[in-house]
Every structure is written in structure tokens, then in C-alpha cells.
C-alpha atoms as a PDB file:
ATOM      1  CA  MET A   1     -28.976   4.927  22.033  1.00  0.00           C
ATOM      2  CA  GLU A   2     -26.413   7.590  22.836  1.00  0.00           C
ATOM      3  CA  SER A   3     -23.723   5.043  23.728  1.00  0.00           C
ATOM      4  CA  THR A   4     -24.275   3.227  20.440  1.00  0.00           C
ATOM      5  CA  GLN A   5     -23.866   6.480  18.534  1.00  0.00           C
ATOM      6  CA  ARG A   6     -20.755   7.320  20.560  1.00  0.00           C
ATOM      7  CA  ASN A   7     -19.284   3.875  19.824  1.00  0.00           C
ATOM      8  CA  LYS A   8     -19.917   4.336  16.100  1.00  0.00           C
ATOM      9  CA  GLU A   9     -18.209   7.743  16.218  1.00  0.00           C
ATOM     10  CA  MET A  10     -15.196   6.293  18.039  1.00  0.00           C
ATOM     11  CA  ILE A  11     -14.883   3.413  15.568  1.00  0.00           C
ATOM     12  CA  THR A  12     -15.122   5.839  12.668  1.00  0.00           C
ATOM     13  CA  LYS A  13     -12.406   8.067  14.180  1.00  0.00           C
ATOM     14  CA  PHE A  14     -10.205   5.020  14.851  1.00  0.00           C
ATOM     15  CA  ASN A  15     -10.560   3.905  11.224  1.00  0.00           C
ATOM     16  CA  GLU A  16      -9.810   7.419   9.942  1.00  0.00           C
ATOM     17  CA  ILE A  17      -6.623   7.551  12.016  1.00  0.00           C
ATOM     18  CA  GLN A  18      -5.536   4.130  10.727  1.00  0.00           C
ATOM     19  CA  GLU A  19      -6.101   5.269   7.150  1.00  0.00           C
ATOM     20  CA  GLU A  20      -4.097   8.445   7.745  1.00  0.00           C
ATOM     21  CA  ILE A  21      -1.208   6.456   9.257  1.00  0.00           C
ATOM     22  CA  LEU A  22      -1.202   4.128   6.250  1.00  0.00           C
ATOM     23  CA  ARG A  23      -1.466   7.052   3.828  1.00  0.00           C
ATOM     24  CA  ILE A  24       1.292   9.339   5.149  1.00  0.00           C
ATOM     25  CA  GLY A  25       3.324   6.868   7.201  1.00  0.00           C
ATOM     26  CA  TRP A  26       4.616   7.093  10.746  1.00  0.00           C
ATOM     27  CA  ASN A  27       7.228   9.757   9.912  1.00  0.00           C
ATOM     28  CA  GLY A  28       4.473  11.920   8.452  1.00  0.00           C
ATOM     29  CA  ILE A  29       2.439  11.501  11.632  1.00  0.00           C
ATOM     30  CA  ILE A  30       5.435  12.550  13.718  1.00  0.00           C
ATOM     31  CA  GLN A  31       5.928  15.682  11.622  1.00  0.00           C
ATOM     32  CA  LYS A  32       2.254  16.530  11.755  1.00  0.00           C
ATOM     33  CA  TYR A  33       1.373  15.788  15.392  1.00  0.00           C
ATOM     34  CA  HIS A  34       4.487  15.433  17.592  1.00  0.00           C
ATOM     35  CA  PRO A  35       4.283  17.868  20.552  1.00  0.00           C
ATOM     36  CA  ASP A  36       7.949  18.913  20.204  1.00  0.00           C
ATOM     37  CA  ILE A  37       7.304  20.025  16.635  1.00  0.00           C
ATOM     38  CA  ASN A  38       3.823  21.446  17.267  1.00  0.00           C
ATOM     39  CA  CYS A  39       4.499  23.466  20.426  1.00  0.00           C
ATOM     40  CA  GLU A  40       1.702  25.932  19.721  1.00  0.00           C
ATOM     41  CA  ASP A  41      -0.997  23.236  19.793  1.00  0.00           C
ATOM     42  CA  GLU A  42      -2.118  22.617  23.379  1.00  0.00           C
ATOM     43  CA  ASN A  43      -3.653  19.260  22.479  1.00  0.00           C
ATOM     44  CA  SER A  44      -0.702  17.946  20.480  1.00  0.00           C
ATOM     45  CA  ALA A  45       0.547  15.624  23.242  1.00  0.00           C
ATOM     46  CA  LYS A  46      -2.890  14.068  23.695  1.00  0.00           C
ATOM     47  CA  THR A  47      -3.402  13.716  19.947  1.00  0.00           C
ATOM     48  CA  PHE A  48       0.045  12.219  19.437  1.00  0.00           C
ATOM     49  CA  LYS A  49      -0.517   9.679  22.231  1.00  0.00           C
ATOM     50  CA  MET A  50      -3.736   8.586  20.535  1.00  0.00           C
ATOM     51  CA  TYR A  51      -1.987   8.172  17.167  1.00  0.00           C
ATOM     52  CA  LYS A  52       0.914   6.316  18.783  1.00  0.00           C
ATOM     53  CA  SER A  53      -1.461   3.934  20.553  1.00  0.00           C
ATOM     54  CA  ILE A  54      -3.309   3.161  17.333  1.00  0.00           C
ATOM     55  CA  TYR A  55      -0.016   2.734  15.448  1.00  0.00           C
ATOM     56  CA  GLU A  56       1.245   0.273  18.083  1.00  0.00           C
ATOM     57  CA  ASN A  57      -2.047  -1.621  17.792  1.00  0.00           C
ATOM     58  CA  MET A  58      -1.626  -1.731  14.012  1.00  0.00           C
ATOM     59  CA  LYS A  59       1.902  -3.122  14.367  1.00  0.00           C
ATOM     60  CA  LYS A  60       0.613  -5.903  16.627  1.00  0.00           C
ATOM     61  CA  ARG A  61      -1.938  -6.839  14.005  1.00  0.00           C
ATOM     62  CA  VAL A  62       0.721  -6.675  11.273  1.00  0.00           C
ATOM     63  CA  ILE A  63      -1.040  -3.986   9.277  1.00  0.00           C
ATOM     64  CA  VAL A  64       2.108  -1.853   9.312  1.00  0.00           C
ATOM     65  CA  ASN A  65       5.600  -3.268   8.970  1.00  0.00           C
ATOM     66  CA  PRO A  66       7.959  -1.889  11.649  1.00  0.00           C
END
């Protein structure tokens, strides 16, 4: 039960990130989450890696034009 709920949460988060990337574009994501720009946020590198991974996945599936 718990793993099913966790999977649903992860899928929901993944979809939210995809929607945000499509909405504000990759340059907007860089400005918002890049660790060099957001030095004060300790989790910015981890967050940016997650966004970058999802963006690369989207490019492979041709959702976003490079």
C-alpha cells in the first residue's frame, strides 16, 4: 500500500515538473533553480539535477524541442 502511494506521489511530482518546464521553459528553470544562481539554497544542486534529468527525458521523447 505504501509503495503504491509513494509511486503515485512520484508520478505526480514528475508530471508537475514537466508542466513547469513547458510553462516557463528551460531558461526559466535555470534562473529559478541553478545552484550558481541560488547559492543560498542548500538543496539547489539536487533540485536542479532532478529538473535537468526530467528535461533530458522530455527531449528524448520529443516533448521539448532542443
